[in-house]
Amino acid sequence: MPTAQSIPLAVVHTLRKLGRDLAIARRKRGISTADMAARLFVSRDTLWRLERGDPAVALGTFATAAFVLQLHDRLASFASPASDDLALSLDESRLPKRIRRPRK
């Protein structure tokens, strides 16, 4: 189980924001914590931990919450190579400067 010391601070902040965003999405849809927990097959305590951004909550629980909130399509493209700006720039930097014709 990850500890607070083993997770980079930027990741902690990202998980907290993600949890808050999921809580807002749930509330905007009018879903109570009891109903959401039941749909996720978890306890309300686990749901609260998810909505606080606890890194120990299972990824499957997060993905199921996204599904219940109809946000799962965003997960499917999360690490898509087509939207990976760093990888795309690295690919471009590896291109040869010149293309030489092979010698005969």
C-alpha atoms as a PDB file:
ATOM      1  CA  MET A   1       0.000   0.000   0.000  1.00  0.00           C
ATOM      2  CA  PRO A   2       1.467   3.397  -0.937  1.00  0.00           C
ATOM      3  CA  THR A   3       2.422   5.761   1.840  1.00  0.00           C
ATOM      4  CA  ALA A   4       2.248   9.525   1.745  1.00  0.00           C
ATOM      5  CA  GLN A   5       6.054   9.620   1.703  1.00  0.00           C
ATOM      6  CA  SER A   6       6.384   7.361  -1.341  1.00  0.00           C
ATOM      7  CA  ILE A   7       4.118   9.424  -3.590  1.00  0.00           C
ATOM      8  CA  PRO A   8       5.359  12.627  -5.245  1.00  0.00           C
ATOM      9  CA  LEU A   9       3.603  15.751  -3.996  1.00  0.00           C
ATOM     10  CA  ALA A  10       2.347  16.571  -7.501  1.00  0.00           C
ATOM     11  CA  VAL A  11       0.631  13.173  -7.641  1.00  0.00           C
ATOM     12  CA  VAL A  12      -0.953  13.730  -4.221  1.00  0.00           C
ATOM     13  CA  HIS A  13      -2.373  17.066  -5.431  1.00  0.00           C
ATOM     14  CA  THR A  14      -3.601  15.486  -8.670  1.00  0.00           C
ATOM     15  CA  LEU A  15      -5.373  12.664  -6.815  1.00  0.00           C
ATOM     16  CA  ARG A  16      -7.025  15.148  -4.453  1.00  0.00           C
ATOM     17  CA  LYS A  17      -8.272  17.228  -7.378  1.00  0.00           C
ATOM     18  CA  LEU A  18      -9.497  14.104  -9.141  1.00  0.00           C
ATOM     19  CA  GLY A  19     -11.360  13.020  -6.009  1.00  0.00           C
ATOM     20  CA  ARG A  20     -12.960  16.450  -5.621  1.00  0.00           C
ATOM     21  CA  ASP A  21     -13.957  16.447  -9.292  1.00  0.00           C
ATOM     22  CA  LEU A  22     -15.566  13.005  -8.933  1.00  0.00           C
ATOM     23  CA  ALA A  23     -17.475  14.201  -5.862  1.00  0.00           C
ATOM     24  CA  ILE A  24     -18.739  17.248  -7.763  1.00  0.00           C
ATOM     25  CA  ALA A  25     -19.762  15.089 -10.736  1.00  0.00           C
ATOM     26  CA  ARG A  26     -21.632  12.739  -8.399  1.00  0.00           C
ATOM     27  CA  ARG A  27     -23.445  15.601  -6.673  1.00  0.00           C
ATOM     28  CA  LYS A  28     -24.332  17.294  -9.981  1.00  0.00           C
ATOM     29  CA  ARG A  29     -25.973  14.034 -11.045  1.00  0.00           C
ATOM     30  CA  GLY A  30     -27.949  13.928  -7.803  1.00  0.00           C
ATOM     31  CA  ILE A  31     -26.406  10.655  -6.634  1.00  0.00           C
ATOM     32  CA  SER A  32     -26.171  10.220  -2.852  1.00  0.00           C
ATOM     33  CA  THR A  33     -23.072   8.758  -1.237  1.00  0.00           C
ATOM     34  CA  ALA A  34     -25.071   5.681  -0.220  1.00  0.00           C
ATOM     35  CA  ASP A  35     -26.295   5.102  -3.785  1.00  0.00           C
ATOM     36  CA  MET A  36     -22.868   5.713  -5.312  1.00  0.00           C
ATOM     37  CA  ALA A  37     -21.182   3.352  -2.854  1.00  0.00           C
ATOM     38  CA  ALA A  38     -23.791   0.691  -3.640  1.00  0.00           C
ATOM     39  CA  ARG A  39     -23.202   1.104  -7.392  1.00  0.00           C
ATOM     40  CA  LEU A  40     -19.455   0.732  -6.822  1.00  0.00           C
ATOM     41  CA  PHE A  41     -19.917  -2.267  -4.493  1.00  0.00           C
ATOM     42  CA  VAL A  42     -17.846  -0.506  -1.822  1.00  0.00           C
ATOM     43  CA  SER A  43     -18.523   0.997   1.574  1.00  0.00           C
ATOM     44  CA  ARG A  44     -19.329   4.671   2.009  1.00  0.00           C
ATOM     45  CA  ASP A  45     -15.974   4.983   3.778  1.00  0.00           C
ATOM     46  CA  THR A  46     -14.194   3.772   0.626  1.00  0.00           C
ATOM     47  CA  LEU A  47     -16.208   6.225  -1.470  1.00  0.00           C
ATOM     48  CA  TRP A  48     -15.226   9.059   0.849  1.00  0.00           C
ATOM     49  CA  ARG A  49     -11.588   7.992   0.605  1.00  0.00           C
ATOM     50  CA  LEU A  50     -11.888   7.964  -3.205  1.00  0.00           C
ATOM     51  CA  GLU A  51     -13.404  11.450  -3.174  1.00  0.00           C
ATOM     52  CA  ARG A  52     -10.583  12.685  -0.918  1.00  0.00           C
ATOM     53  CA  GLY A  53      -8.001  11.328  -3.352  1.00  0.00           C
ATOM     54  CA  ASP A  54      -6.655   8.520  -1.181  1.00  0.00           C
ATOM     55  CA  PRO A  55      -4.020   6.725  -3.303  1.00  0.00           C
ATOM     56  CA  ALA A  56      -4.775   3.389  -1.606  1.00  0.00           C
ATOM     57  CA  VAL A  57      -8.222   3.158  -3.242  1.00  0.00           C
ATOM     58  CA  ALA A  58      -8.142   0.542  -6.004  1.00  0.00           C
ATOM     59  CA  LEU A  59      -7.862   1.674  -9.599  1.00  0.00           C
ATOM     60  CA  GLY A  60     -10.821  -0.546 -10.415  1.00  0.00           C
ATOM     61  CA  THR A  61     -12.956   1.433  -7.961  1.00  0.00           C
ATOM     62  CA  PHE A  62     -11.896   4.668  -9.628  1.00  0.00           C
ATOM     63  CA  ALA A  63     -12.645   3.275 -13.101  1.00  0.00           C
ATOM     64  CA  THR A  64     -16.043   2.007 -11.976  1.00  0.00           C
ATOM     65  CA  ALA A  65     -16.853   5.427 -10.510  1.00  0.00           C
ATOM     66  CA  ALA A  66     -15.949   6.986 -13.858  1.00  0.00           C
ATOM     67  CA  PHE A  67     -18.276   4.466 -15.540  1.00  0.00           C
ATOM     68  CA  VAL A  68     -21.170   5.200 -13.178  1.00  0.00           C
ATOM     69  CA  LEU A  69     -20.690   8.927 -13.822  1.00  0.00           C
ATOM     70  CA  GLN A  70     -20.447   8.294 -17.589  1.00  0.00           C
ATOM     71  CA  LEU A  71     -16.877   9.615 -17.710  1.00  0.00           C
ATOM     72  CA  HIS A  72     -15.212   6.291 -18.610  1.00  0.00           C
ATOM     73  CA  ASP A  73     -14.625   7.283 -22.244  1.00  0.00           C
ATOM     74  CA  ARG A  74     -12.042   9.762 -20.981  1.00  0.00           C
ATOM     75  CA  LEU A  75     -10.171   6.950 -19.224  1.00  0.00           C
ATOM     76  CA  ALA A  76      -9.865   4.994 -22.451  1.00  0.00           C
ATOM     77  CA  SER A  77      -7.803   7.778 -24.032  1.00  0.00           C
ATOM     78  CA  PHE A  78      -5.899   8.747 -20.881  1.00  0.00           C
ATOM     79  CA  ALA A  79      -2.487   7.508 -22.068  1.00  0.00           C
ATOM     80  CA  SER A  80      -3.200   7.493 -25.776  1.00  0.00           C
ATOM     81  CA  PRO A  81       0.009   7.718 -27.842  1.00  0.00           C
ATOM     82  CA  ALA A  82      -1.663  10.266 -30.099  1.00  0.00           C
ATOM     83  CA  SER A  83      -2.069  12.704 -27.194  1.00  0.00           C
ATOM     84  CA  ASP A  84       1.285  12.038 -25.490  1.00  0.00           C
ATOM     85  CA  ASP A  85       2.984  15.367 -26.180  1.00  0.00           C
ATOM     86  CA  LEU A  86       6.309  14.380 -24.586  1.00  0.00           C
ATOM     87  CA  ALA A  87       6.590  11.168 -26.626  1.00  0.00           C
ATOM     88  CA  LEU A  88       5.636  13.012 -29.796  1.00  0.00           C
ATOM     89  CA  SER A  89       8.318  15.646 -29.227  1.00  0.00           C
ATOM     90  CA  LEU A  90      10.895  12.946 -28.453  1.00  0.00           C
ATOM     91  CA  ASP A  91      10.001  11.184 -31.694  1.00  0.00           C
ATOM     92  CA  GLU A  92      10.459  14.434 -33.567  1.00  0.00           C
ATOM     93  CA  SER A  93      13.821  15.150 -31.915  1.00  0.00           C
ATOM     94  CA  ARG A  94      15.089  11.717 -33.022  1.00  0.00           C
ATOM     95  CA  LEU A  95      14.433  12.412 -36.674  1.00  0.00           C
ATOM     96  CA  PRO A  96      17.597  12.694 -38.757  1.00  0.00           C
ATOM     97  CA  LYS A  97      18.638  16.213 -39.710  1.00  0.00           C
ATOM     98  CA  ARG A  98      19.332  15.148 -43.277  1.00  0.00           C
ATOM     99  CA  ILE A  99      18.475  12.216 -45.455  1.00  0.00           C
ATOM    100  CA  ARG A 100      21.371  11.162 -47.637  1.00  0.00           C
ATOM    101  CA  ARG A 101      21.057   9.187 -50.785  1.00  0.00           C
ATOM    102  CA  PRO A 102      22.809   5.816 -50.513  1.00  0.00           C
ATOM    103  CA  ARG A 103      26.116   5.586 -52.383  1.00  0.00           C
ATOM    104  CA  LYS A 104      26.280   3.385 -55.438  1.00  0.00           C
END
